[in-house]
Amino acid sequence: MARAIKEYDARLDSKKRLTLRGAKTMYYRVREKQDGTIELSPRVLVHPDAISQKTLEMMDKSIDQLKKGNASDPVDLEELNKLLD
């Protein structure tokens, strides 16, 4: 586990927002665990123009197949979630 480089107490404001001091990115993935722990992971959003034409074509084909009913059974992610916790 990574060592903490900054630690401080914070509180929610009247609109239930929390301010992160010196945040390095604009977007975060939030995971709230059953024990009340909240985990933030930095995210980098990609502009749609940065996605290659080949990838967009593959996504369009996949959506067409899904609309036609050609899809696999749902994947059970419970085991993965247990491993991640």
N, C-alpha and C. Protein backbone atom coordinates (compact mmCIF):
# COMPACT_ATOMS: atom_id res chain seq x y z
N MET A 1 0.84 -1.18 0.00
CA MET A 1 0.00 0.00 0.00
C MET A 1 0.89 1.24 0.00
N ALA A 2 0.49 2.23 -0.76
CA ALA A 2 1.29 3.45 -0.88
C ALA A 2 1.25 4.26 0.42
N ARG A 3 2.34 4.91 0.71
CA ARG A 3 2.47 5.74 1.91
C ARG A 3 1.79 7.08 1.68
N ALA A 4 1.09 7.59 2.69
CA ALA A 4 0.40 8.88 2.59
C ALA A 4 1.43 10.00 2.53
N ILE A 5 1.22 10.94 1.61
CA ILE A 5 2.11 12.11 1.54
C ILE A 5 1.43 13.35 2.10
N LYS A 6 0.12 13.25 2.32
CA LYS A 6 -0.63 14.37 2.89
C LYS A 6 -1.80 13.78 3.68
N GLU A 7 -2.06 14.34 4.82
CA GLU A 7 -3.18 13.88 5.63
C GLU A 7 -3.80 15.07 6.33
N TYR A 8 -5.11 15.21 6.26
CA TYR A 8 -5.79 16.32 6.91
C TYR A 8 -7.24 15.96 7.16
N ASP A 9 -7.89 16.67 8.06
CA ASP A 9 -9.31 16.48 8.35
C ASP A 9 -10.10 17.41 7.46
N ALA A 10 -11.27 16.95 7.04
CA ALA A 10 -12.14 17.76 6.19
C ALA A 10 -13.58 17.51 6.62
N ARG A 11 -14.45 18.42 6.23
CA ARG A 11 -15.86 18.24 6.54
C ARG A 11 -16.69 18.61 5.32
N LEU A 12 -17.90 18.07 5.26
CA LEU A 12 -18.81 18.38 4.17
C LEU A 12 -19.39 19.77 4.39
N ASP A 13 -19.61 20.50 3.31
CA ASP A 13 -20.25 21.81 3.45
C ASP A 13 -21.77 21.62 3.46
N SER A 14 -22.53 22.70 3.43
CA SER A 14 -23.99 22.62 3.53
C SER A 14 -24.63 21.88 2.36
N LYS A 15 -23.91 21.80 1.24
CA LYS A 15 -24.43 21.07 0.07
C LYS A 15 -23.81 19.67 -0.03
N LYS A 16 -23.22 19.22 1.07
CA LYS A 16 -22.60 17.88 1.18
C LYS A 16 -21.44 17.70 0.20
N ARG A 17 -20.66 18.76 0.00
CA ARG A 17 -19.47 18.71 -0.85
C ARG A 17 -18.23 18.68 0.03
N LEU A 18 -17.20 18.07 -0.48
CA LEU A 18 -15.92 17.98 0.22
C LEU A 18 -14.86 18.62 -0.67
N THR A 19 -14.03 19.47 -0.11
CA THR A 19 -12.97 20.11 -0.87
C THR A 19 -11.67 19.34 -0.70
N LEU A 20 -11.04 19.00 -1.82
CA LEU A 20 -9.74 18.34 -1.79
C LEU A 20 -8.66 19.40 -1.96
N ARG A 21 -7.76 19.49 -1.02
CA ARG A 21 -6.70 20.50 -1.08
C ARG A 21 -5.60 20.03 -2.02
N GLY A 22 -5.21 20.87 -2.94
CA GLY A 22 -4.11 20.57 -3.84
C GLY A 22 -4.38 19.40 -4.76
N ALA A 23 -5.63 19.18 -5.14
CA ALA A 23 -5.98 18.06 -6.01
C ALA A 23 -5.20 18.13 -7.32
N LYS A 24 -4.69 16.99 -7.75
CA LYS A 24 -3.85 16.94 -8.96
C LYS A 24 -4.66 16.78 -10.24
N THR A 25 -5.88 16.24 -10.15
CA THR A 25 -6.72 16.06 -11.34
C THR A 25 -8.11 16.62 -11.08
N MET A 26 -8.89 16.78 -12.14
CA MET A 26 -10.24 17.33 -12.03
C MET A 26 -11.29 16.25 -11.76
N TYR A 27 -11.01 15.01 -12.16
CA TYR A 27 -12.00 13.95 -12.06
C TYR A 27 -11.48 12.78 -11.24
N TYR A 28 -12.36 12.19 -10.44
CA TYR A 28 -12.00 11.06 -9.60
C TYR A 28 -13.07 9.99 -9.66
N ARG A 29 -12.66 8.74 -9.58
CA ARG A 29 -13.57 7.61 -9.42
C ARG A 29 -13.73 7.43 -7.92
N VAL A 30 -14.97 7.33 -7.44
CA VAL A 30 -15.24 7.22 -6.01
C VAL A 30 -15.75 5.82 -5.72
N ARG A 31 -15.13 5.17 -4.73
CA ARG A 31 -15.60 3.86 -4.25
C ARG A 31 -15.88 4.00 -2.77
N GLU A 32 -17.15 3.75 -2.40
CA GLU A 32 -17.53 3.80 -1.00
C GLU A 32 -17.71 2.35 -0.53
N LYS A 33 -16.98 1.98 0.49
CA LYS A 33 -17.02 0.60 0.99
C LYS A 33 -18.00 0.47 2.14
N GLN A 34 -18.35 -0.76 2.46
CA GLN A 34 -19.34 -1.01 3.51
C GLN A 34 -18.90 -0.49 4.87
N ASP A 35 -17.60 -0.43 5.12
CA ASP A 35 -17.12 0.05 6.42
C ASP A 35 -17.08 1.57 6.51
N GLY A 36 -17.55 2.27 5.46
CA GLY A 36 -17.57 3.72 5.45
C GLY A 36 -16.34 4.36 4.81
N THR A 37 -15.35 3.54 4.48
CA THR A 37 -14.15 4.04 3.82
C THR A 37 -14.50 4.53 2.42
N ILE A 38 -13.96 5.67 2.04
CA ILE A 38 -14.15 6.21 0.70
C ILE A 38 -12.80 6.26 0.02
N GLU A 39 -12.73 5.69 -1.18
CA GLU A 39 -11.48 5.63 -1.93
C GLU A 39 -11.64 6.46 -3.21
N LEU A 40 -10.70 7.37 -3.44
CA LEU A 40 -10.70 8.19 -4.64
C LEU A 40 -9.55 7.77 -5.54
N SER A 41 -9.84 7.56 -6.82
CA SER A 41 -8.80 7.24 -7.79
C SER A 41 -8.84 8.29 -8.89
N PRO A 42 -7.71 8.89 -9.22
CA PRO A 42 -7.72 9.93 -10.26
C PRO A 42 -8.12 9.35 -11.61
N ARG A 43 -8.87 10.12 -12.37
CA ARG A 43 -9.32 9.73 -13.70
C ARG A 43 -8.89 10.78 -14.71
N VAL A 44 -8.60 10.33 -15.91
CA VAL A 44 -8.31 11.24 -17.01
C VAL A 44 -9.36 10.97 -18.07
N LEU A 45 -10.19 11.95 -18.35
CA LEU A 45 -11.21 11.78 -19.37
C LEU A 45 -10.61 12.08 -20.73
N VAL A 46 -11.02 11.29 -21.72
CA VAL A 46 -10.47 11.43 -23.06
C VAL A 46 -11.48 12.16 -23.94
N HIS A 47 -11.03 13.16 -24.66
CA HIS A 47 -11.88 13.88 -25.59
C HIS A 47 -12.28 12.93 -26.72
N PRO A 48 -13.55 12.95 -27.15
CA PRO A 48 -14.00 12.02 -28.20
C PRO A 48 -13.14 12.05 -29.47
N ASP A 49 -12.55 13.21 -29.78
CA ASP A 49 -11.71 13.30 -30.98
C ASP A 49 -10.42 12.51 -30.82
N ALA A 50 -10.06 12.17 -29.59
CA ALA A 50 -8.83 11.43 -29.34
C ALA A 50 -9.00 9.93 -29.53
N ILE A 51 -10.24 9.47 -29.70
CA ILE A 51 -10.51 8.05 -29.93
C ILE A 51 -10.34 7.76 -31.41
N SER A 52 -9.60 6.71 -31.74
CA SER A 52 -9.30 6.41 -33.13
C SER A 52 -10.56 6.02 -33.91
N GLN A 53 -10.53 6.23 -35.20
CA GLN A 53 -11.65 5.88 -36.07
C GLN A 53 -11.92 4.38 -36.02
N LYS A 54 -10.87 3.58 -35.95
CA LYS A 54 -11.02 2.12 -35.89
C LYS A 54 -11.77 1.71 -34.62
N THR A 55 -11.44 2.34 -33.50
CA THR A 55 -12.12 2.04 -32.24
C THR A 55 -13.59 2.43 -32.31
N LEU A 56 -13.89 3.60 -32.89
CA LEU A 56 -15.28 4.03 -33.03
C LEU A 56 -16.07 3.08 -33.91
N GLU A 57 -15.45 2.60 -34.99
CA GLU A 57 -16.12 1.63 -35.87
C GLU A 57 -16.40 0.33 -35.14
N MET A 58 -15.44 -0.12 -34.34
CA MET A 58 -15.63 -1.36 -33.57
C MET A 58 -16.77 -1.18 -32.55
N MET A 59 -16.85 -0.02 -31.93
CA MET A 59 -17.92 0.24 -30.97
C MET A 59 -19.27 0.25 -31.68
N ASP A 60 -19.35 0.86 -32.86
CA ASP A 60 -20.60 0.88 -33.62
C ASP A 60 -21.04 -0.54 -33.98
N LYS A 61 -20.10 -1.39 -34.41
CA LYS A 61 -20.43 -2.78 -34.75
C LYS A 61 -20.92 -3.53 -33.53
N SER A 62 -20.29 -3.29 -32.38
CA SER A 62 -20.70 -3.96 -31.15
C SER A 62 -22.12 -3.56 -30.75
N ILE A 63 -22.44 -2.29 -30.88
CA ILE A 63 -23.78 -1.81 -30.54
C ILE A 63 -24.81 -2.40 -31.48
N ASP A 64 -24.47 -2.47 -32.77
CA ASP A 64 -25.38 -3.10 -33.74
C ASP A 64 -25.66 -4.55 -33.37
N GLN A 65 -24.61 -5.29 -32.99
CA GLN A 65 -24.79 -6.69 -32.59
C GLN A 65 -25.67 -6.80 -31.34
N LEU A 66 -25.47 -5.90 -30.40
CA LEU A 66 -26.27 -5.91 -29.18
C LEU A 66 -27.74 -5.64 -29.49
N LYS A 67 -28.00 -4.67 -30.37
CA LYS A 67 -29.38 -4.35 -30.76
C LYS A 67 -30.05 -5.53 -31.45
N LYS A 68 -29.27 -6.34 -32.17
CA LYS A 68 -29.79 -7.53 -32.85
C LYS A 68 -29.98 -8.70 -31.89
N GLY A 69 -29.55 -8.53 -30.65
CA GLY A 69 -29.70 -9.59 -29.66
C GLY A 69 -28.52 -10.55 -29.61
N ASN A 70 -27.46 -10.25 -30.33
CA ASN A 70 -26.26 -11.10 -30.33
C ASN A 70 -25.33 -10.66 -29.21
N ALA A 71 -25.59 -11.20 -28.01
CA ALA A 71 -24.78 -10.83 -26.86
C ALA A 71 -24.59 -12.05 -25.97
N SER A 72 -23.49 -12.06 -25.24
CA SER A 72 -23.23 -13.15 -24.31
C SER A 72 -24.07 -12.97 -23.06
N ASP A 73 -24.09 -14.00 -22.23
CA ASP A 73 -24.77 -13.90 -20.94
C ASP A 73 -24.07 -12.85 -20.10
N PRO A 74 -24.79 -12.23 -19.16
CA PRO A 74 -24.15 -11.23 -18.29
C PRO A 74 -22.99 -11.85 -17.51
N VAL A 75 -21.98 -11.06 -17.26
CA VAL A 75 -20.81 -11.50 -16.51
C VAL A 75 -21.04 -11.17 -15.04
N ASP A 76 -20.84 -12.17 -14.17
CA ASP A 76 -20.98 -11.97 -12.73
C ASP A 76 -19.66 -11.43 -12.18
N LEU A 77 -19.67 -10.19 -11.75
CA LEU A 77 -18.45 -9.54 -11.25
C LEU A 77 -18.29 -9.65 -9.74
N GLU A 78 -19.14 -10.43 -9.09
CA GLU A 78 -19.07 -10.53 -7.63
C GLU A 78 -17.72 -11.02 -7.16
N GLU A 79 -17.16 -12.05 -7.81
CA GLU A 79 -15.82 -12.55 -7.42
C GLU A 79 -14.76 -11.48 -7.56
N LEU A 80 -14.81 -10.71 -8.64
CA LEU A 80 -13.86 -9.64 -8.85
C LEU A 80 -13.99 -8.59 -7.76
N ASN A 81 -15.22 -8.22 -7.43
CA ASN A 81 -15.45 -7.24 -6.36
C ASN A 81 -14.89 -7.71 -5.04
N LYS A 82 -15.03 -9.00 -4.74
CA LYS A 82 -14.48 -9.55 -3.50
C LYS A 82 -12.95 -9.45 -3.50
N LEU A 83 -12.33 -9.71 -4.63
CA LEU A 83 -10.87 -9.61 -4.73
C LEU A 83 -10.39 -8.18 -4.56
N LEU A 84 -11.15 -7.23 -5.11
CA LEU A 84 -10.76 -5.83 -5.03
C LEU A 84 -10.92 -5.26 -3.63
N ASP A 85 -11.89 -5.81 -2.88
CA ASP A 85 -12.08 -5.34 -1.50
C ASP A 85 -11.02 -5.94 -0.63
